[in-house]
Amino acid sequence: MGDLARIGAGAAIIADRRRTLSPLAALIGAVVTFFAVAVGVIVFVVFAATLALVLLLASLLIGLAALTLGSRRSQRVVKGVLTLGRPPAHAWIAYQWDRPSA
């Protein structure tokens, strides 16, 4: 019975040693964690900058389109001059296809 108690105590000491972290392992873990966090921050900053640039370009494009459409609507109309509100589409009558050829 004494031998079994001694074996059990030895197993408990080994288990305690496995639970404690050596200073070298703790240092390596801290360095790896630091680099992982640094890479994560860099990826986050690049993603945020890309997203901000895309949103800026999209808003500029929408603003340019609104400016262009707004200037088309506010064309000056000269009184006494007939203007065509919307030019006609490509009409087949323009080529006189409704008349038989001679």
PDB file of N, CA and C in Angstrom:
ATOM      1  N   MET A   1       0.821  -1.185   0.000  1.00  0.00           N
ATOM      2  CA  MET A   1       0.000   0.000   0.000  1.00  0.00           C
ATOM      3  C   MET A   1       0.865   1.249   0.000  1.00  0.00           C
ATOM      4  N   GLY A   2       2.020   1.182   0.612  1.00  0.00           N
ATOM      5  CA  GLY A   2       2.914   2.324   0.665  1.00  0.00           C
ATOM      6  C   GLY A   2       3.446   2.695  -0.704  1.00  0.00           C
ATOM      7  N   ASP A   3       3.702   1.661  -1.542  1.00  0.00           N
ATOM      8  CA  ASP A   3       4.214   1.930  -2.886  1.00  0.00           C
ATOM      9  C   ASP A   3       3.160   2.632  -3.747  1.00  0.00           C
ATOM     10  N   LEU A   4       1.937   2.208  -3.592  1.00  0.00           N
ATOM     11  CA  LEU A   4       0.876   2.837  -4.378  1.00  0.00           C
ATOM     12  C   LEU A   4       0.683   4.300  -3.976  1.00  0.00           C
ATOM     13  N   ALA A   5       0.821   4.602  -2.703  1.00  0.00           N
ATOM     14  CA  ALA A   5       0.690   5.983  -2.250  1.00  0.00           C
ATOM     15  C   ALA A   5       1.831   6.829  -2.797  1.00  0.00           C
ATOM     16  N   ARG A   6       3.040   6.210  -2.820  1.00  0.00           N
ATOM     17  CA  ARG A   6       4.181   6.938  -3.353  1.00  0.00           C
ATOM     18  C   ARG A   6       4.006   7.192  -4.858  1.00  0.00           C
ATOM     19  N   ILE A   7       3.476   6.238  -5.591  1.00  0.00           N
ATOM     20  CA  ILE A   7       3.256   6.406  -7.039  1.00  0.00           C
ATOM     21  C   ILE A   7       2.202   7.480  -7.278  1.00  0.00           C
ATOM     22  N   GLY A   8       1.170   7.444  -6.455  1.00  0.00           N
ATOM     23  CA  GLY A   8       0.126   8.464  -6.599  1.00  0.00           C
ATOM     24  C   GLY A   8       0.656   9.854  -6.325  1.00  0.00           C
ATOM     25  N   ALA A   9       1.511   9.993  -5.324  1.00  0.00           N
ATOM     26  CA  ALA A   9       2.094  11.298  -5.007  1.00  0.00           C
ATOM     27  C   ALA A   9       3.014  11.758  -6.131  1.00  0.00           C
ATOM     28  N   GLY A  10       3.764  10.824  -6.720  1.00  0.00           N
ATOM     29  CA  GLY A  10       4.647  11.177  -7.834  1.00  0.00           C
ATOM     30  C   GLY A  10       3.851  11.629  -9.046  1.00  0.00           C
ATOM     31  N   ALA A  11       2.741  10.982  -9.306  1.00  0.00           N
ATOM     32  CA  ALA A  11       1.888  11.376 -10.433  1.00  0.00           C
ATOM     33  C   ALA A  11       1.311  12.769 -10.210  1.00  0.00           C
ATOM     34  N   ALA A  12       0.986  13.074  -8.966  1.00  0.00           N
ATOM     35  CA  ALA A  12       0.453  14.404  -8.658  1.00  0.00           C
ATOM     36  C   ALA A  12       1.529  15.465  -8.859  1.00  0.00           C
ATOM     37  N   ILE A  13       2.775  15.159  -8.501  1.00  0.00           N
ATOM     38  CA  ILE A  13       3.861  16.129  -8.691  1.00  0.00           C
ATOM     39  C   ILE A  13       4.106  16.358 -10.175  1.00  0.00           C
ATOM     40  N   ILE A  14       4.078  15.281 -10.973  1.00  0.00           N
ATOM     41  CA  ILE A  14       4.271  15.416 -12.429  1.00  0.00           C
ATOM     42  C   ILE A  14       3.130  16.231 -13.026  1.00  0.00           C
ATOM     43  N   ALA A  15       1.925  15.969 -12.586  1.00  0.00           N
ATOM     44  CA  ALA A  15       0.781  16.725 -13.095  1.00  0.00           C
ATOM     45  C   ALA A  15       0.898  18.198 -12.737  1.00  0.00           C
ATOM     46  N   ASP A  16       1.381  18.518 -11.536  1.00  0.00           N
ATOM     47  CA  ASP A  16       1.580  19.915 -11.151  1.00  0.00           C
ATOM     48  C   ASP A  16       2.648  20.573 -12.004  1.00  0.00           C
ATOM     49  N   ARG A  17       3.700  19.845 -12.308  1.00  0.00           N
ATOM     50  CA  ARG A  17       4.756  20.406 -13.159  1.00  0.00           C
ATOM     51  C   ARG A  17       4.260  20.648 -14.579  1.00  0.00           C
ATOM     52  N   ARG A  18       3.379  19.815 -15.067  1.00  0.00           N
ATOM     53  CA  ARG A  18       2.856  20.001 -16.422  1.00  0.00           C
ATOM     54  C   ARG A  18       1.904  21.205 -16.489  1.00  0.00           C
ATOM     55  N   ARG A  19       1.242  21.486 -15.373  1.00  0.00           N
ATOM     56  CA  ARG A  19       0.319  22.618 -15.365  1.00  0.00           C
ATOM     57  C   ARG A  19       1.044  23.947 -15.334  1.00  0.00           C
ATOM     58  N   THR A  20       2.182  24.001 -14.727  1.00  0.00           N
ATOM     59  CA  THR A  20       2.917  25.261 -14.655  1.00  0.00           C
ATOM     60  C   THR A  20       3.654  25.479 -15.971  1.00  0.00           C
ATOM     61  N   LEU A  21       3.707  26.718 -16.374  1.00  0.00           N
ATOM     62  CA  LEU A  21       4.317  27.068 -17.641  1.00  0.00           C
ATOM     63  C   LEU A  21       5.745  27.533 -17.386  1.00  0.00           C
ATOM     64  N   SER A  22       6.662  27.035 -18.181  1.00  0.00           N
ATOM     65  CA  SER A  22       8.047  27.462 -18.008  1.00  0.00           C
ATOM     66  C   SER A  22       8.198  28.905 -18.483  1.00  0.00           C
ATOM     67  N   PRO A  23       9.141  29.627 -17.981  1.00  0.00           N
ATOM     68  CA  PRO A  23       9.324  31.026 -18.402  1.00  0.00           C
ATOM     69  C   PRO A  23       9.611  31.174 -19.893  1.00  0.00           C
ATOM     70  N   LEU A  24      10.342  30.231 -20.465  1.00  0.00           N
ATOM     71  CA  LEU A  24      10.626  30.294 -21.901  1.00  0.00           C
ATOM     72  C   LEU A  24       9.353  30.100 -22.716  1.00  0.00           C
ATOM     73  N   ALA A  25       8.515  29.153 -22.316  1.00  0.00           N
ATOM     74  CA  ALA A  25       7.252  28.925 -23.023  1.00  0.00           C
ATOM     75  C   ALA A  25       6.328  30.140 -22.881  1.00  0.00           C
ATOM     76  N   ALA A  26       6.335  30.756 -21.710  1.00  0.00           N
ATOM     77  CA  ALA A  26       5.506  31.948 -21.512  1.00  0.00           C
ATOM     78  C   ALA A  26       5.994  33.095 -22.390  1.00  0.00           C
ATOM     79  N   LEU A  27       7.317  33.245 -22.505  1.00  0.00           N
ATOM     80  CA  LEU A  27       7.884  34.303 -23.354  1.00  0.00           C
ATOM     81  C   LEU A  27       7.553  34.064 -24.822  1.00  0.00           C
ATOM     82  N   ILE A  28       7.696  32.826 -25.267  1.00  0.00           N
ATOM     83  CA  ILE A  28       7.372  32.489 -26.664  1.00  0.00           C
ATOM     84  C   ILE A  28       5.884  32.717 -26.925  1.00  0.00           C
ATOM     85  N   GLY A  29       5.034  32.331 -25.992  1.00  0.00           N
ATOM     86  CA  GLY A  29       3.593  32.563 -26.149  1.00  0.00           C
ATOM     87  C   GLY A  29       3.252  34.037 -26.209  1.00  0.00           C
ATOM     88  N   ALA A  30       3.924  34.848 -25.399  1.00  0.00           N
ATOM     89  CA  ALA A  30       3.668  36.293 -25.413  1.00  0.00           C
ATOM     90  C   ALA A  30       4.112  36.921 -26.728  1.00  0.00           C
ATOM     91  N   VAL A  31       5.262  36.485 -27.246  1.00  0.00           N
ATOM     92  CA  VAL A  31       5.760  37.032 -28.516  1.00  0.00           C
ATOM     93  C   VAL A  31       4.846  36.645 -29.663  1.00  0.00           C
ATOM     94  N   VAL A  32       4.426  35.396 -29.695  1.00  0.00           N
ATOM     95  CA  VAL A  32       3.520  34.937 -30.761  1.00  0.00           C
ATOM     96  C   VAL A  32       2.185  35.668 -30.668  1.00  0.00           C
ATOM     97  N   THR A  33       1.683  35.855 -29.471  1.00  0.00           N
ATOM     98  CA  THR A  33       0.432  36.593 -29.299  1.00  0.00           C
ATOM     99  C   THR A  33       0.578  38.039 -29.750  1.00  0.00           C
ATOM    100  N   PHE A  34       1.704  38.658 -29.440  1.00  0.00           N
ATOM    101  CA  PHE A  34       1.945  40.028 -29.860  1.00  0.00           C
ATOM    102  C   PHE A  34       1.935  40.148 -31.383  1.00  0.00           C
ATOM    103  N   PHE A  35       2.629  39.232 -32.052  1.00  0.00           N
ATOM    104  CA  PHE A  35       2.662  39.290 -33.517  1.00  0.00           C
ATOM    105  C   PHE A  35       1.299  38.992 -34.132  1.00  0.00           C
ATOM    106  N   ALA A  36       0.541  38.095 -33.526  1.00  0.00           N
ATOM    107  CA  ALA A  36      -0.801  37.804 -34.030  1.00  0.00           C
ATOM    108  C   ALA A  36      -1.705  39.021 -33.908  1.00  0.00           C
ATOM    109  N   VAL A  37      -1.614  39.715 -32.791  1.00  0.00           N
ATOM    110  CA  VAL A  37      -2.418  40.928 -32.601  1.00  0.00           C
ATOM    111  C   VAL A  37      -1.963  42.023 -33.562  1.00  0.00           C
ATOM    112  N   ALA A  38      -0.649  42.148 -33.781  1.00  0.00           N
ATOM    113  CA  ALA A  38      -0.138  43.167 -34.697  1.00  0.00           C
ATOM    114  C   ALA A  38      -0.610  42.902 -36.128  1.00  0.00           C
ATOM    115  N   VAL A  39      -0.571  41.652 -36.563  1.00  0.00           N
ATOM    116  CA  VAL A  39      -1.053  41.308 -37.908  1.00  0.00           C
ATOM    117  C   VAL A  39      -2.552  41.573 -38.008  1.00  0.00           C
ATOM    118  N   GLY A  40      -3.294  41.245 -36.971  1.00  0.00           N
ATOM    119  CA  GLY A  40      -4.738  41.516 -36.975  1.00  0.00           C
ATOM    120  C   GLY A  40      -5.041  43.003 -37.071  1.00  0.00           C
ATOM    121  N   VAL A  41      -4.283  43.815 -36.375  1.00  0.00           N
ATOM    122  CA  VAL A  41      -4.484  45.269 -36.436  1.00  0.00           C
ATOM    123  C   VAL A  41      -4.164  45.798 -37.826  1.00  0.00           C
ATOM    124  N   ILE A  42      -3.080  45.298 -38.426  1.00  0.00           N
ATOM    125  CA  ILE A  42      -2.713  45.749 -39.777  1.00  0.00           C
ATOM    126  C   ILE A  42      -3.793  45.368 -40.774  1.00  0.00           C
ATOM    127  N   VAL A  43      -4.289  44.147 -40.696  1.00  0.00           N
ATOM    128  CA  VAL A  43      -5.363  43.712 -41.605  1.00  0.00           C
ATOM    129  C   VAL A  43      -6.610  44.560 -41.401  1.00  0.00           C
ATOM    130  N   PHE A  44      -6.936  44.864 -40.164  1.00  0.00           N
ATOM    131  CA  PHE A  44      -8.110  45.688 -39.878  1.00  0.00           C
ATOM    132  C   PHE A  44      -7.950  47.097 -40.451  1.00  0.00           C
ATOM    133  N   VAL A  45      -6.786  47.696 -40.290  1.00  0.00           N
ATOM    134  CA  VAL A  45      -6.560  49.053 -40.793  1.00  0.00           C
ATOM    135  C   VAL A  45      -6.628  49.076 -42.313  1.00  0.00           C
ATOM    136  N   VAL A  46      -6.033  48.089 -42.966  1.00  0.00           N
ATOM    137  CA  VAL A  46      -6.080  48.034 -44.434  1.00  0.00           C
ATOM    138  C   VAL A  46      -7.518  47.850 -44.908  1.00  0.00           C
ATOM    139  N   PHE A  47      -8.275  46.987 -44.249  1.00  0.00           N
ATOM    140  CA  PHE A  47      -9.672  46.773 -44.632  1.00  0.00           C
ATOM    141  C   PHE A  47     -10.491  48.041 -44.426  1.00  0.00           C
ATOM    142  N   ALA A  48     -10.296  48.719 -43.300  1.00  0.00           N
ATOM    143  CA  ALA A  48     -11.053  49.936 -43.026  1.00  0.00           C
ATOM    144  C   ALA A  48     -10.695  51.037 -44.024  1.00  0.00           C
ATOM    145  N   ALA A  49      -9.422  51.158 -44.382  1.00  0.00           N
ATOM    146  CA  ALA A  49      -9.024  52.172 -45.360  1.00  0.00           C
ATOM    147  C   ALA A  49      -9.599  51.857 -46.733  1.00  0.00           C
ATOM    148  N   THR A  50      -9.608  50.593 -47.101  1.00  0.00           N
ATOM    149  CA  THR A  50     -10.187  50.198 -48.394  1.00  0.00           C
ATOM    150  C   THR A  50     -11.678  50.491 -48.419  1.00  0.00           C
ATOM    151  N   LEU A  51     -12.358  50.171 -47.351  1.00  0.00           N
ATOM    152  CA  LEU A  51     -13.797  50.435 -47.278  1.00  0.00           C
ATOM    153  C   LEU A  51     -14.087  51.935 -47.334  1.00  0.00           C
ATOM    154  N   ALA A  52     -13.287  52.726 -46.636  1.00  0.00           N
ATOM    155  CA  ALA A  52     -13.476  54.176 -46.664  1.00  0.00           C
ATOM    156  C   ALA A  52     -13.235  54.727 -48.068  1.00  0.00           C
ATOM    157  N   LEU A  53     -12.232  54.215 -48.757  1.00  0.00           N
ATOM    158  CA  LEU A  53     -11.948  54.677 -50.118  1.00  0.00           C
ATOM    159  C   LEU A  53     -13.068  54.303 -51.077  1.00  0.00           C
ATOM    160  N   VAL A  54     -13.587  53.102 -50.953  1.00  0.00           N
ATOM    161  CA  VAL A  54     -14.700  52.674 -51.819  1.00  0.00           C
ATOM    162  C   VAL A  54     -15.930  53.535 -51.564  1.00  0.00           C
ATOM    163  N   LEU A  55     -16.240  53.809 -50.304  1.00  0.00           N
ATOM    164  CA  LEU A  55     -17.399  54.656 -49.991  1.00  0.00           C
ATOM    165  C   LEU A  55     -17.208  56.086 -50.494  1.00  0.00           C
ATOM    166  N   LEU A  56     -15.993  56.605 -50.390  1.00  0.00           N
ATOM    167  CA  LEU A  56     -15.713  57.942 -50.890  1.00  0.00           C
ATOM    168  C   LEU A  56     -15.886  58.010 -52.401  1.00  0.00           C
ATOM    169  N   LEU A  57     -15.339  57.035 -53.112  1.00  0.00           N
ATOM    170  CA  LEU A  57     -15.467  57.029 -54.572  1.00  0.00           C
ATOM    171  C   LEU A  57     -16.921  56.840 -55.000  1.00  0.00           C
ATOM    172  N   ALA A  58     -17.665  56.012 -54.273  1.00  0.00           N
ATOM    173  CA  ALA A  58     -19.079  55.812 -54.614  1.00  0.00           C
ATOM    174  C   ALA A  58     -19.872  57.100 -54.397  1.00  0.00           C
ATOM    175  N   SER A  59     -19.607  57.807 -53.310  1.00  0.00           N
ATOM    176  CA  SER A  59     -20.342  59.051 -53.072  1.00  0.00           C
ATOM    177  C   SER A  59     -19.961  60.122 -54.096  1.00  0.00           C
ATOM    178  N   LEU A  60     -18.684  60.154 -54.490  1.00  0.00           N
ATOM    179  CA  LEU A  60     -18.286  61.106 -55.541  1.00  0.00           C
ATOM    180  C   LEU A  60     -18.958  60.785 -56.867  1.00  0.00           C
ATOM    181  N   LEU A  61     -19.066  59.507 -57.189  1.00  0.00           N
ATOM    182  CA  LEU A  61     -19.716  59.105 -58.434  1.00  0.00           C
ATOM    183  C   LEU A  61     -21.206  59.448 -58.408  1.00  0.00           C
ATOM    184  N   ILE A  62     -21.851  59.223 -57.280  1.00  0.00           N
ATOM    185  CA  ILE A  62     -23.274  59.562 -57.164  1.00  0.00           C
ATOM    186  C   ILE A  62     -23.462  61.076 -57.251  1.00  0.00           C
ATOM    187  N   GLY A  63     -22.576  61.834 -56.619  1.00  0.00           N
ATOM    188  CA  GLY A  63     -22.660  63.294 -56.694  1.00  0.00           C
ATOM    189  C   GLY A  63     -22.438  63.806 -58.106  1.00  0.00           C
ATOM    190  N   LEU A  64     -21.490  63.206 -58.817  1.00  0.00           N
ATOM    191  CA  LEU A  64     -21.249  63.607 -60.212  1.00  0.00           C
ATOM    192  C   LEU A  64     -22.448  63.290 -61.085  1.00  0.00           C
ATOM    193  N   ALA A  65     -23.064  62.134 -60.864  1.00  0.00           N
ATOM    194  CA  ALA A  65     -24.262  61.774 -61.637  1.00  0.00           C
ATOM    195  C   ALA A  65     -25.413  62.729 -61.326  1.00  0.00           C
ATOM    196  N   ALA A  66     -25.589  63.096 -60.075  1.00  0.00           N
ATOM    197  CA  ALA A  66     -26.656  64.029 -59.712  1.00  0.00           C
ATOM    198  C   ALA A  66     -26.400  65.402 -60.308  1.00  0.00           C
ATOM    199  N   LEU A  67     -25.154  65.824 -60.307  1.00  0.00           N
ATOM    200  CA  LEU A  67     -24.816  67.112 -60.897  1.00  0.00           C
ATOM    201  C   LEU A  67     -25.079  67.120 -62.398  1.00  0.00           C
ATOM    202  N   THR A  68     -24.730  66.040 -63.052  1.00  0.00           N
ATOM    203  CA  THR A  68     -24.946  65.938 -64.496  1.00  0.00           C
ATOM    204  C   THR A  68     -26.430  65.915 -64.829  1.00  0.00           C
ATOM    205  N   LEU A  69     -27.192  65.130 -64.096  1.00  0.00           N
ATOM    206  CA  LEU A  69     -28.629  65.063 -64.371  1.00  0.00           C
ATOM    207  C   LEU A  69     -29.319  66.374 -64.025  1.00  0.00           C
ATOM    208  N   GLY A  70     -28.857  67.031 -62.999  1.00  0.00           N
ATOM    209  CA  GLY A  70     -29.453  68.316 -62.628  1.00  0.00           C
ATOM    210  C   GLY A  70     -29.198  69.382 -63.667  1.00  0.00           C
ATOM    211  N   SER A  71     -28.035  69.366 -64.286  1.00  0.00           N
ATOM    212  CA  SER A  71     -27.751  70.371 -65.304  1.00  0.00           C
ATOM    213  C   SER A  71     -28.535  70.097 -66.585  1.00  0.00           C
ATOM    214  N   ARG A  72     -28.881  68.863 -66.834  1.00  0.00           N
ATOM    215  CA  ARG A  72     -29.692  68.570 -68.025  1.00  0.00           C
ATOM    216  C   ARG A  72     -31.121  69.059 -67.857  1.00  0.00           C
ATOM    217  N   ARG A  73     -31.620  69.037 -66.646  1.00  0.00           N
ATOM    218  CA  ARG A  73     -33.003  69.456 -66.413  1.00  0.00           C
ATOM    219  C   ARG A  73     -33.151  70.970 -66.422  1.00  0.00           C
ATOM    220  N   SER A  74     -32.118  71.665 -66.061  1.00  0.00           N
ATOM    221  CA  SER A  74     -32.234  73.117 -65.928  1.00  0.00           C
ATOM    222  C   SER A  74     -31.641  73.845 -67.136  1.00  0.00           C
ATOM    223  N   GLN A  75     -31.926  73.363 -68.328  1.00  0.00           N
ATOM    224  CA  GLN A  75     -31.453  74.053 -69.528  1.00  0.00           C
ATOM    225  C   GLN A  75     -32.316  75.285 -69.752  1.00  0.00           C
ATOM    226  N   ARG A  76     -31.675  76.327 -70.233  1.00  0.00           N
ATOM    227  CA  ARG A  76     -32.414  77.569 -70.469  1.00  0.00           C
ATOM    228  C   ARG A  76     -33.277  77.448 -71.726  1.00  0.00           C
ATOM    229  N   VAL A  77     -34.477  78.000 -71.630  1.00  0.00           N
ATOM    230  CA  VAL A  77     -35.399  77.987 -72.755  1.00  0.00           C
ATOM    231  C   VAL A  77     -35.518  79.410 -73.268  1.00  0.00           C
ATOM    232  N   VAL A  78     -35.249  79.582 -74.551  1.00  0.00           N
ATOM    233  CA  VAL A  78     -35.347  80.900 -75.163  1.00  0.00           C
ATOM    234  C   VAL A  78     -36.763  81.041 -75.716  1.00  0.00           C
ATOM    235  N   LYS A  79     -37.439  82.160 -75.354  1.00  0.00           N
ATOM    236  CA  LYS A  79     -38.814  82.357 -75.819  1.00  0.00           C
ATOM    237  C   LYS A  79     -38.816  82.648 -77.313  1.00  0.00           C
ATOM    238  N   GLY A  80     -39.783  82.094 -77.990  1.00  0.00           N
ATOM    239  CA  GLY A  80     -39.909  82.302 -79.423  1.00  0.00           C
ATOM    240  C   GLY A  80     -39.162  81.260 -80.239  1.00  0.00           C
ATOM    241  N   VAL A  81     -38.436  80.397 -79.604  1.00  0.00           N
ATOM    242  CA  VAL A  81     -37.704  79.360 -80.335  1.00  0.00           C
ATOM    243  C   VAL A  81     -38.316  78.020 -79.965  1.00  0.00           C
ATOM    244  N   LEU A  82     -38.676  77.281 -80.987  1.00  0.00           N
ATOM    245  CA  LEU A  82     -39.232  75.965 -80.745  1.00  0.00           C
ATOM    246  C   LEU A  82     -38.083  75.005 -80.416  1.00  0.00           C
ATOM    247  N   THR A  83     -38.220  74.352 -79.319  1.00  0.00           N
ATOM    248  CA  THR A  83     -37.211  73.364 -78.944  1.00  0.00           C
ATOM    249  C   THR A  83     -37.884  72.015 -78.820  1.00  0.00           C
ATOM    250  N   LEU A  84     -37.136  71.021 -79.124  1.00  0.00           N
ATOM    251  CA  LEU A  84     -37.640  69.661 -79.034  1.00  0.00           C
ATOM    252  C   LEU A  84     -37.294  69.142 -77.646  1.00  0.00           C
ATOM    253  N   GLY A  85     -38.331  68.807 -76.895  1.00  0.00           N
ATOM    254  CA  GLY A  85     -38.098  68.337 -75.537  1.00  0.00           C
ATOM    255  C   GLY A  85     -37.284  67.066 -75.499  1.00  0.00           C
ATOM    256  N   ARG A  86     -37.602  66.170 -76.383  1.00  0.00           N
ATOM    257  CA  ARG A  86     -36.867  64.916 -76.446  1.00  0.00           C
ATOM    258  C   ARG A  86     -36.688  64.577 -77.912  1.00  0.00           C
ATOM    259  N   PRO A  87     -35.470  64.386 -78.355  1.00  0.00           N
ATOM    260  CA  PRO A  87     -35.275  64.084 -79.775  1.00  0.00           C
ATOM    261  C   PRO A  87     -35.901  62.740 -80.123  1.00  0.00           C
ATOM    262  N   PRO A  88     -36.442  62.619 -81.333  1.00  0.00           N
ATOM    263  CA  PRO A  88     -37.091  61.357 -81.699  1.00  0.00           C
ATOM    264  C   PRO A  88     -36.069  60.237 -81.850  1.00  0.00           C
ATOM    265  N   ALA A  89     -36.579  59.049 -81.736  1.00  0.00           N
ATOM    266  CA  ALA A  89     -35.723  57.879 -81.913  1.00  0.00           C
ATOM    267  C   ALA A  89     -35.415  57.697 -83.396  1.00  0.00           C
ATOM    268  N   HIS A  90     -34.619  56.742 -83.681  1.00  0.00           N
ATOM    269  CA  HIS A  90     -34.249  56.459 -85.068  1.00  0.00           C
ATOM    270  C   HIS A  90     -35.477  55.934 -85.801  1.00  0.00           C
ATOM    271  N   ALA A  91     -36.080  56.766 -86.632  1.00  0.00           N
ATOM    272  CA  ALA A  91     -37.353  56.416 -87.265  1.00  0.00           C
ATOM    273  C   ALA A  91     -37.106  55.811 -88.644  1.00  0.00           C
ATOM    274  N   TRP A  92     -37.886  54.834 -88.977  1.00  0.00           N
ATOM    275  CA  TRP A  92     -37.755  54.215 -90.293  1.00  0.00           C
ATOM    276  C   TRP A  92     -38.323  55.118 -91.374  1.00  0.00           C
ATOM    277  N   ILE A  93     -39.180  56.077 -90.998  1.00  0.00           N
ATOM    278  CA  ILE A  93     -39.750  57.001 -91.975  1.00  0.00           C
ATOM    279  C   ILE A  93     -38.676  57.949 -92.500  1.00  0.00           C
ATOM    280  N   ALA A  94     -37.651  58.207 -91.737  1.00  0.00           N
ATOM    281  CA  ALA A  94     -36.600  59.110 -92.161  1.00  0.00           C
ATOM    282  C   ALA A  94     -35.927  58.611 -93.439  1.00  0.00           C
ATOM    283  N   TYR A  95     -35.927  57.328 -93.659  1.00  0.00           N
ATOM    284  CA  TYR A  95     -35.303  56.794 -94.873  1.00  0.00           C
ATOM    285  C   TYR A  95     -36.345  56.507 -95.963  1.00  0.00           C
ATOM    286  N   GLN A  96     -37.556  56.909 -95.768  1.00  0.00           N
ATOM    287  CA  GLN A  96     -38.657  56.750 -96.715  1.00  0.00           C
ATOM    288  C   GLN A  96     -38.875  55.280 -97.076  1.00  0.00           C
ATOM    289  N   TRP A  97     -38.796  54.442 -96.083  1.00  0.00           N
ATOM    290  CA  TRP A  97     -39.041  53.026 -96.325  1.00  0.00           C
ATOM    291  C   TRP A  97     -40.528  52.718 -96.459  1.00  0.00           C
ATOM    292  N   ASP A  98     -41.330  53.739 -96.166  1.00  0.00           N
ATOM    293  CA  ASP A  98     -42.764  53.523 -96.325  1.00  0.00           C
ATOM    294  C   ASP A  98     -43.190  53.722 -97.776  1.00  0.00           C
ATOM    295  N   ARG A  99     -42.306  54.212 -98.626  1.00  0.00           N
ATOM    296  CA  ARG A  99     -42.623  54.414-100.059  1.00  0.00           C
ATOM    297  C   ARG A  99     -41.948  53.348-100.894  1.00  0.00           C
ATOM    298  N   PRO A 100     -42.628  52.851-101.869  1.00  0.00           N
ATOM    299  CA  PRO A 100     -42.017  51.830-102.727  1.00  0.00           C
ATOM    300  C   PRO A 100     -40.935  52.465-103.611  1.00  0.00           C
ATOM    301  N   SER A 101     -39.909  51.713-103.855  1.00  0.00           N
ATOM    302  CA  SER A 101     -38.847  52.237-104.720  1.00  0.00           C
ATOM    303  C   SER A 101     -39.286  52.181-106.179  1.00  0.00           C
ATOM    304  N   ALA A 102     -38.799  53.088-106.999  1.00  0.00           N
ATOM    305  CA  ALA A 102     -39.215  53.204-108.395  1.00  0.00           C
ATOM    306  C   ALA A 102     -38.615  52.176-109.244  1.00  0.00           C
TER     307      ALA A 102
END
